[in-house]
Amino acid sequence: MSDTTTPMIELAHAKVIAEQILRAVGAHTDHARATVDNLLFADRSGIASHGLLRLPLYAAAVSAGGINRDPQMRWVTENTGAGLLDADGAFGQVAMEEALRWIESQRGTSASVTVAVQSSSHFGAGGYWTQRLAESGWLAIGVSSTGPTVAPFGATRKVLGTNPLSISLPAGTQTPLTADLATSTGAYGKVIGARNAGTSIPEGWAVDEAGHPTTDPAAAMAGALTAFGGHKGSAVAVLIEGLSVVLGGSRFAFETEDIWSNPGSRMNVGHLVIAVDPAAFAGAEQTAARVQQLRDTVRAAGPDVRAPGDPEEQSRTDRLVHIPLAHSTIEAINQLAEQLGAPPLEPASPTQTFSPPNRPTKKKEFQR
């Protein structure tokens, strides 16, 4: 099989195996389900860096205690339109499910609802959370801190996290307009994926421990990733770190350990979610119409232009039944499954493979 083809895995099969693996390391059934649903959303969206690639890392963290398999989450404060959730080291996905539940419980009580989450873990693809809120009518913004991976502009030492930002605008019956991006030049999961596959990463993504630019993913993980967009992107990364941490009282990236290299350490990251009710402003219908006008105008700007979220939405449409998984991801999951006594992932058929579509020479689409 050539390097340009990737095995296709039946979505329902992948869900069963992944949930079984997390349950085998001690995760509650509903926690495993919430986590795997988020990972599969990422794989369906073409964001392999936040998909089942992460499953062995999550399982290792649960086994070693870095992710709490039996968290006692509690609301530290609950006010009209604002709440603070202590996740007690839970899967970030589990914490976010509770945050979204509480936000929905506040509908109609306030023009906006803000939830800060403390003592959490990696919450997966941020767009999954804001898009769900926007699908139910909210304008949603979500940010999160992560473990230490990124050097501020002009530095070579990792101080910041990849600190993702996701924004989703409601569009009525249409898919929300969503942008979901890490504030590092490249997502850390893509570096992990390159290491697992034995490939290099693009120039400019990272420096090694000595501060020299590197395309070796292992050297990048030992060194630091760069912030996107030079000094401006670095400033955004710093402020997202602050937004994610200071209201909830979590730890900054430089106060934590990297759970991916030390799975027994608690990440203690913070999330912040802001949900705004358009009904309190211009109204839901006008908001949706204007969002769709904005998206249509962006798409019409050129023959190859796509609006934020378009590539991911097309990918989800194409992957309703099967998802492509890298050989290295399948191998890592199956090694783990064998250790835990779980069944392996099996390709849909010996001949069914995924070939990446041709992209425009000029990159005119918005991607994570």
Protein backbone atom coordinates (compact mmCIF):
# COMPACT_ATOMS: atom_id res chain seq x y z
CA MET A 1 0.00 0.00 0.00
CA SER A 2 1.42 3.38 -0.95
CA ASP A 3 2.01 6.20 1.47
CA THR A 4 -0.69 8.26 -0.27
CA THR A 5 -3.47 5.90 0.75
CA THR A 6 -4.93 5.47 4.20
CA PRO A 7 -7.12 2.60 5.44
CA MET A 8 -10.78 3.37 5.96
CA ILE A 9 -12.38 2.31 9.25
CA GLU A 10 -16.13 1.98 9.73
CA LEU A 11 -17.21 4.78 12.06
CA ALA A 12 -19.49 2.62 14.20
CA HIS A 13 -16.75 0.00 14.56
CA ALA A 14 -14.19 2.63 15.60
CA LYS A 15 -16.62 4.01 18.19
CA VAL A 16 -17.20 0.60 19.78
CA ILE A 17 -13.49 -0.27 19.96
CA ALA A 18 -12.42 3.16 21.26
CA GLU A 19 -15.07 3.20 23.99
CA GLN A 20 -14.15 -0.34 24.99
CA ILE A 21 -10.49 0.66 25.35
CA LEU A 22 -11.31 3.59 27.62
CA ARG A 23 -13.63 1.47 29.71
CA ALA A 24 -10.88 -1.15 30.00
CA VAL A 25 -8.56 1.40 31.66
CA GLY A 26 -11.30 2.37 34.11
CA ALA A 27 -13.29 5.18 32.48
CA HIS A 28 -17.02 5.34 33.20
CA THR A 29 -19.20 4.30 30.27
CA ASP A 30 -20.70 7.78 29.79
CA HIS A 31 -17.27 9.40 30.10
CA ALA A 32 -15.84 7.07 27.46
CA ARG A 33 -18.78 7.83 25.17
CA ALA A 34 -18.45 11.61 25.51
CA THR A 35 -14.71 11.48 24.91
CA VAL A 36 -14.87 9.18 21.89
CA ASP A 37 -17.69 11.20 20.30
CA ASN A 38 -15.42 14.25 20.42
CA LEU A 39 -12.45 12.35 18.96
CA LEU A 40 -14.53 10.93 16.13
CA PHE A 41 -15.95 14.36 15.33
CA ALA A 42 -12.37 15.49 14.79
CA ASP A 43 -11.56 12.54 12.53
CA ARG A 44 -14.77 13.08 10.57
CA SER A 45 -13.84 16.76 10.23
CA GLY A 46 -10.42 15.94 8.78
CA ILE A 47 -8.64 17.03 11.97
CA ALA A 48 -6.69 13.83 12.60
CA SER A 49 -4.47 15.65 15.11
CA HIS A 50 -7.41 15.67 17.54
CA GLY A 51 -8.99 12.37 16.62
CA LEU A 52 -8.30 8.75 17.56
CA LEU A 53 -4.59 9.56 17.34
CA ARG A 54 -5.11 10.79 20.91
CA LEU A 55 -6.76 7.62 22.19
CA PRO A 56 -3.57 5.82 23.34
CA LEU A 57 -2.41 9.03 25.03
CA TYR A 58 -5.71 9.41 26.87
CA ALA A 59 -5.67 5.75 27.91
CA ALA A 60 -2.12 6.08 29.23
CA ALA A 61 -3.11 9.19 31.21
CA VAL A 62 -6.11 7.43 32.76
CA SER A 63 -3.99 4.41 33.68
CA ALA A 64 -1.27 6.58 35.22
CA GLY A 65 -3.64 8.96 37.02
CA GLY A 66 -3.08 12.03 34.87
CA ILE A 67 -6.77 11.93 33.95
CA ASN A 68 -9.11 11.15 36.84
CA ARG A 69 -11.23 8.10 36.01
CA ASP A 70 -13.67 8.86 38.84
CA PRO A 71 -13.87 12.66 39.12
CA GLN A 72 -16.08 14.40 41.65
CA MET A 73 -16.93 17.47 39.60
CA ARG A 74 -18.67 20.33 41.40
CA TRP A 75 -19.88 23.83 40.72
CA VAL A 76 -17.74 26.16 42.82
CA THR A 77 -19.94 29.15 42.00
CA GLU A 78 -23.29 29.41 40.23
CA ASN A 79 -24.62 32.87 39.47
CA THR A 80 -27.09 34.08 36.89
CA GLY A 81 -25.17 33.85 33.62
CA ALA A 82 -21.83 32.85 35.17
CA GLY A 83 -20.48 29.69 36.75
CA LEU A 84 -17.19 28.09 37.78
CA LEU A 85 -16.83 24.32 37.41
CA ASP A 86 -14.15 22.30 39.20
CA ALA A 87 -13.53 19.31 36.89
CA ASP A 88 -11.39 17.41 39.43
CA GLY A 89 -9.01 16.16 36.74
CA ALA A 90 -11.74 14.68 34.52
CA PHE A 91 -11.48 14.16 30.80
CA GLY A 92 -11.80 17.63 29.31
CA GLN A 93 -14.66 16.30 27.22
CA VAL A 94 -16.56 15.26 30.34
CA ALA A 95 -16.05 18.68 31.89
CA MET A 96 -17.24 20.39 28.72
CA GLU A 97 -20.38 18.26 28.54
CA GLU A 98 -21.27 19.50 32.01
CA ALA A 99 -20.41 23.09 31.03
CA LEU A 100 -22.70 22.92 28.00
CA ARG A 101 -25.50 21.38 30.07
CA TRP A 102 -25.27 24.25 32.54
CA ILE A 103 -25.18 26.88 29.80
CA GLU A 104 -28.40 25.49 28.33
CA SER A 105 -29.98 25.57 31.80
CA GLN A 106 -29.32 29.32 31.86
CA ARG A 107 -31.08 30.08 28.59
CA GLY A 108 -33.46 33.00 29.00
CA THR A 109 -31.98 34.15 32.31
CA SER A 110 -29.22 36.30 30.84
CA ALA A 111 -28.11 37.80 27.53
CA SER A 112 -24.87 35.86 27.82
CA VAL A 113 -23.59 32.93 29.84
CA THR A 114 -19.95 32.42 30.80
CA VAL A 115 -18.49 29.23 32.24
CA ALA A 116 -14.94 28.89 33.53
CA VAL A 117 -13.60 25.37 34.10
CA GLN A 118 -10.70 24.63 36.43
CA SER A 119 -8.62 21.50 37.04
CA SER A 120 -9.50 19.97 33.69
CA SER A 121 -7.68 18.03 30.97
CA HIS A 122 -7.38 18.19 27.18
CA PHE A 123 -10.86 18.86 25.79
CA GLY A 124 -10.24 17.71 22.22
CA ALA A 125 -11.37 19.70 19.21
CA GLY A 126 -12.70 23.03 20.48
CA GLY A 127 -14.98 23.50 17.50
CA TYR A 128 -17.04 20.53 18.63
CA TRP A 129 -18.18 22.49 21.67
CA THR A 130 -18.80 25.91 20.16
CA GLN A 131 -20.51 24.44 17.10
CA ARG A 132 -22.93 22.49 19.27
CA LEU A 133 -23.81 25.68 21.12
CA ALA A 134 -24.28 27.57 17.86
CA GLU A 135 -26.47 24.79 16.48
CA SER A 136 -28.81 25.46 19.40
CA GLY A 137 -28.79 29.20 18.69
CA TRP A 138 -25.96 30.64 20.77
CA LEU A 139 -23.05 32.70 19.48
CA ALA A 140 -20.19 30.82 21.13
CA ILE A 141 -16.54 31.43 21.96
CA GLY A 142 -14.33 28.81 23.56
CA VAL A 143 -10.70 28.93 24.67
CA SER A 144 -8.47 26.56 26.59
CA SER A 145 -5.02 26.36 28.06
CA THR A 146 -2.93 23.22 27.52
CA GLY A 147 0.34 21.79 28.72
CA PRO A 148 3.62 23.66 28.03
CA THR A 149 4.49 23.35 24.35
CA VAL A 150 4.96 26.81 22.80
CA ALA A 151 7.71 29.41 23.02
CA PRO A 152 6.63 33.07 23.00
CA PHE A 153 7.84 35.15 20.05
CA GLY A 154 11.58 35.76 20.33
CA ALA A 155 12.07 32.93 22.85
CA THR A 156 13.12 29.30 22.51
CA ARG A 157 11.75 27.92 25.80
CA LYS A 158 8.23 26.51 26.02
CA VAL A 159 6.16 28.73 28.30
CA LEU A 160 2.70 28.69 26.72
CA GLY A 161 0.26 26.03 25.61
CA THR A 162 -1.07 25.64 22.09
CA ASN A 163 -4.08 27.52 23.52
CA PRO A 164 -6.86 26.85 21.01
CA LEU A 165 -9.52 29.37 20.09
CA SER A 166 -12.87 28.41 18.64
CA ILE A 167 -15.67 30.73 17.56
CA SER A 168 -19.02 29.61 16.14
CA LEU A 169 -21.71 31.94 14.80
CA PRO A 170 -25.29 30.62 14.52
CA ALA A 171 -26.71 30.44 11.01
CA GLY A 172 -30.25 29.24 11.59
CA THR A 173 -30.86 25.98 9.73
CA GLN A 174 -27.42 26.17 8.10
CA THR A 175 -24.21 24.87 9.63
CA PRO A 176 -22.72 27.43 12.04
CA LEU A 177 -19.84 29.54 10.78
CA THR A 178 -16.94 28.11 12.78
CA ALA A 179 -13.21 28.71 13.06
CA ASP A 180 -11.18 26.47 15.36
CA LEU A 181 -7.43 26.91 15.55
CA ALA A 182 -4.45 26.40 17.75
CA THR A 183 -2.30 29.45 18.43
CA SER A 184 0.85 27.47 17.67
CA THR A 185 2.02 27.49 14.05
CA GLY A 186 1.08 23.82 13.82
CA ALA A 187 -1.17 21.80 16.13
CA TYR A 188 0.73 19.69 18.65
CA GLY A 189 -1.27 16.66 17.58
CA LYS A 190 0.13 17.02 14.07
CA VAL A 191 3.62 16.88 15.56
CA ILE A 192 2.65 13.73 17.47
CA GLY A 193 1.22 12.26 14.28
CA ALA A 194 4.40 13.03 12.34
CA ARG A 195 6.51 11.41 15.04
CA ASN A 196 4.32 8.31 15.02
CA ALA A 197 4.44 8.09 11.22
CA GLY A 198 8.18 8.76 10.99
CA THR A 199 7.74 11.88 8.87
CA SER A 200 9.02 15.43 9.24
CA ILE A 201 7.10 18.59 10.15
CA PRO A 202 7.13 21.81 8.10
CA GLU A 203 9.88 24.37 8.56
CA GLY A 204 9.02 27.14 10.99
CA TRP A 205 6.87 25.01 13.25
CA ALA A 206 9.37 24.35 16.00
CA VAL A 207 12.82 24.68 17.55
CA ASP A 208 14.87 22.00 19.27
CA GLU A 209 16.17 22.10 22.85
CA ALA A 210 19.11 24.24 21.74
CA GLY A 211 16.78 26.76 20.12
CA HIS A 212 17.62 25.79 16.54
CA PRO A 213 14.85 25.44 13.95
CA THR A 214 13.94 21.80 13.38
CA THR A 215 11.71 19.66 11.19
CA ASP A 216 12.23 16.58 13.39
CA PRO A 217 8.99 16.03 15.37
CA ALA A 218 10.81 14.29 18.24
CA ALA A 219 13.21 17.23 18.53
CA ALA A 220 10.25 19.61 18.38
CA MET A 221 8.53 17.82 21.26
CA ALA A 222 11.71 18.05 23.31
CA GLY A 223 12.12 21.70 22.32
CA ALA A 224 9.21 24.05 21.65
CA LEU A 225 6.63 24.90 19.02
CA THR A 226 6.45 28.41 17.63
CA ALA A 227 3.45 30.70 17.99
CA PHE A 228 1.55 31.45 14.79
CA GLY A 229 1.76 34.86 13.18
CA GLY A 230 4.97 36.16 14.75
CA HIS A 231 4.61 38.69 17.56
CA LYS A 232 0.90 39.23 16.90
CA GLY A 233 0.05 35.56 17.14
CA SER A 234 2.23 35.24 20.21
CA ALA A 235 0.23 38.04 21.85
CA VAL A 236 -3.02 36.21 21.05
CA ALA A 237 -1.59 33.01 22.56
CA VAL A 238 -0.62 34.85 25.75
CA LEU A 239 -4.06 36.41 26.12
CA ILE A 240 -5.86 33.12 25.49
CA GLU A 241 -3.69 31.58 28.19
CA GLY A 242 -4.91 34.31 30.51
CA LEU A 243 -8.57 34.02 29.51
CA SER A 244 -8.48 30.26 30.01
CA VAL A 245 -6.81 30.36 33.41
CA VAL A 246 -7.31 33.51 35.45
CA LEU A 247 -11.10 33.50 35.88
CA GLY A 248 -11.19 29.85 36.89
CA GLY A 249 -8.01 29.70 38.94
CA SER A 250 -6.33 26.94 36.95
CA ARG A 251 -2.61 26.65 36.29
CA PHE A 252 -0.67 28.34 33.54
CA ALA A 253 1.11 26.03 31.11
CA PHE A 254 4.47 26.85 32.66
CA GLU A 255 3.13 25.66 36.03
CA THR A 256 2.17 22.23 34.69
CA GLU A 257 3.84 19.23 33.12
CA ASP A 258 3.24 17.89 29.64
CA ILE A 259 0.79 15.01 30.07
CA TRP A 260 1.79 13.57 26.70
CA SER A 261 5.34 12.88 27.89
CA ASN A 262 4.40 12.35 31.55
CA PRO A 263 0.94 10.72 31.55
CA GLY A 264 0.80 10.54 35.34
CA SER A 265 0.85 14.32 35.76
CA ARG A 266 -2.38 16.30 36.17
CA MET A 267 -2.71 18.93 33.45
CA ASN A 268 -4.91 21.22 35.58
CA VAL A 269 -5.78 23.25 32.51
CA GLY A 270 -8.56 25.80 32.27
CA HIS A 271 -11.34 26.37 29.76
CA LEU A 272 -13.56 29.39 29.24
CA VAL A 273 -16.80 29.28 27.27
CA ILE A 274 -18.88 32.34 26.46
CA ALA A 275 -22.35 31.86 24.96
CA VAL A 276 -24.28 34.89 23.75
CA ASP A 277 -28.03 34.80 23.05
CA PRO A 278 -28.78 36.71 19.80
CA ALA A 279 -32.37 37.16 20.99
CA ALA A 280 -31.09 39.78 23.43
CA PHE A 281 -29.57 41.80 20.58
CA ALA A 282 -30.55 41.92 16.89
CA GLY A 283 -32.62 38.75 17.17
CA ALA A 284 -31.99 35.16 16.13
CA GLU A 285 -33.35 35.47 12.58
CA GLN A 286 -31.44 38.62 11.67
CA THR A 287 -28.26 37.24 13.24
CA ALA A 288 -28.52 34.02 11.23
CA ALA A 289 -29.22 35.89 8.00
CA ARG A 290 -26.24 38.19 8.45
CA VAL A 291 -23.95 35.29 9.32
CA GLN A 292 -25.00 33.50 6.15
CA GLN A 293 -24.51 36.71 4.14
CA LEU A 294 -20.99 37.00 5.50
CA ARG A 295 -20.18 33.40 4.63
CA ASP A 296 -21.64 33.65 1.13
CA THR A 297 -19.70 36.85 0.43
CA VAL A 298 -16.43 35.24 1.53
CA ARG A 299 -17.09 32.24 -0.70
CA ALA A 300 -17.84 34.51 -3.66
CA ALA A 301 -14.55 36.40 -3.28
CA GLY A 302 -12.72 33.98 -5.60
CA PRO A 303 -13.12 30.62 -7.34
CA ASP A 304 -11.08 28.69 -4.76
CA VAL A 305 -12.08 30.59 -1.63
CA ARG A 306 -13.80 28.72 1.17
CA ALA A 307 -15.24 30.18 4.33
CA PRO A 308 -14.12 29.08 7.79
CA GLY A 309 -15.43 25.60 8.51
CA ASP A 310 -16.16 24.70 4.87
CA PRO A 311 -13.38 22.09 4.53
CA GLU A 312 -14.39 20.47 7.81
CA GLU A 313 -18.08 20.41 6.87
CA GLN A 314 -17.30 18.82 3.50
CA SER A 315 -15.14 16.26 5.25
CA ARG A 316 -17.95 15.38 7.67
CA THR A 317 -20.32 14.96 4.73
CA ASP A 318 -17.86 12.59 3.05
CA ARG A 319 -17.26 10.61 6.25
CA LEU A 320 -20.71 9.65 7.44
CA VAL A 321 -19.90 5.93 7.44
CA HIS A 322 -16.11 5.56 7.30
CA ILE A 323 -13.10 7.57 8.48
CA PRO A 324 -9.50 7.33 7.28
CA LEU A 325 -6.95 6.46 9.97
CA ALA A 326 -3.19 6.55 9.57
CA HIS A 327 -1.41 3.20 9.66
CA SER A 328 0.55 4.39 12.71
CA THR A 329 -2.66 5.29 14.55
CA ILE A 330 -4.25 1.92 13.83
CA GLU A 331 -1.07 0.14 14.93
CA ALA A 332 -0.87 2.09 18.21
CA ILE A 333 -4.54 1.49 19.01
CA ASN A 334 -4.32 -2.21 18.18
CA GLN A 335 -1.23 -2.68 20.33
CA LEU A 336 -3.14 -1.08 23.20
CA ALA A 337 -6.25 -3.17 22.47
CA GLU A 338 -4.19 -6.36 22.61
CA GLN A 339 -2.73 -5.36 25.98
CA LEU A 340 -6.21 -4.66 27.35
CA GLY A 341 -7.95 -7.67 25.85
CA ALA A 342 -10.07 -5.55 23.53
CA PRO A 343 -10.76 -6.40 19.87
CA PRO A 344 -8.60 -4.68 17.24
CA LEU A 345 -9.54 -2.01 14.74
CA GLU A 346 -10.04 -3.58 11.33
CA PRO A 347 -10.19 -1.74 7.98
CA ALA A 348 -13.57 -1.80 6.27
CA SER A 349 -12.16 -3.99 3.48
CA PRO A 350 -8.69 -4.91 2.20
CA THR A 351 -9.13 -2.65 -0.81
CA GLN A 352 -10.97 0.34 0.63
CA THR A 353 -8.50 3.17 1.13
CA PHE A 354 -8.58 6.94 1.34
CA SER A 355 -6.62 9.13 -1.07
CA PRO A 356 -6.28 12.81 -0.07
CA PRO A 357 -8.05 15.12 -2.52
CA ASN A 358 -6.11 17.58 -4.62
CA ARG A 359 -5.94 21.02 -3.04
CA PRO A 360 -5.55 24.40 -4.74
CA THR A 361 -1.91 25.38 -5.21
CA LYS A 362 -2.55 28.52 -3.22
CA LYS A 363 -3.91 27.87 0.23
CA LYS A 364 -7.15 29.84 0.34
CA GLU A 365 -9.07 27.88 2.91
CA PHE A 366 -9.24 28.19 6.65
CA GLN A 367 -7.86 25.19 8.50
CA ARG A 368 -7.00 24.28 12.03
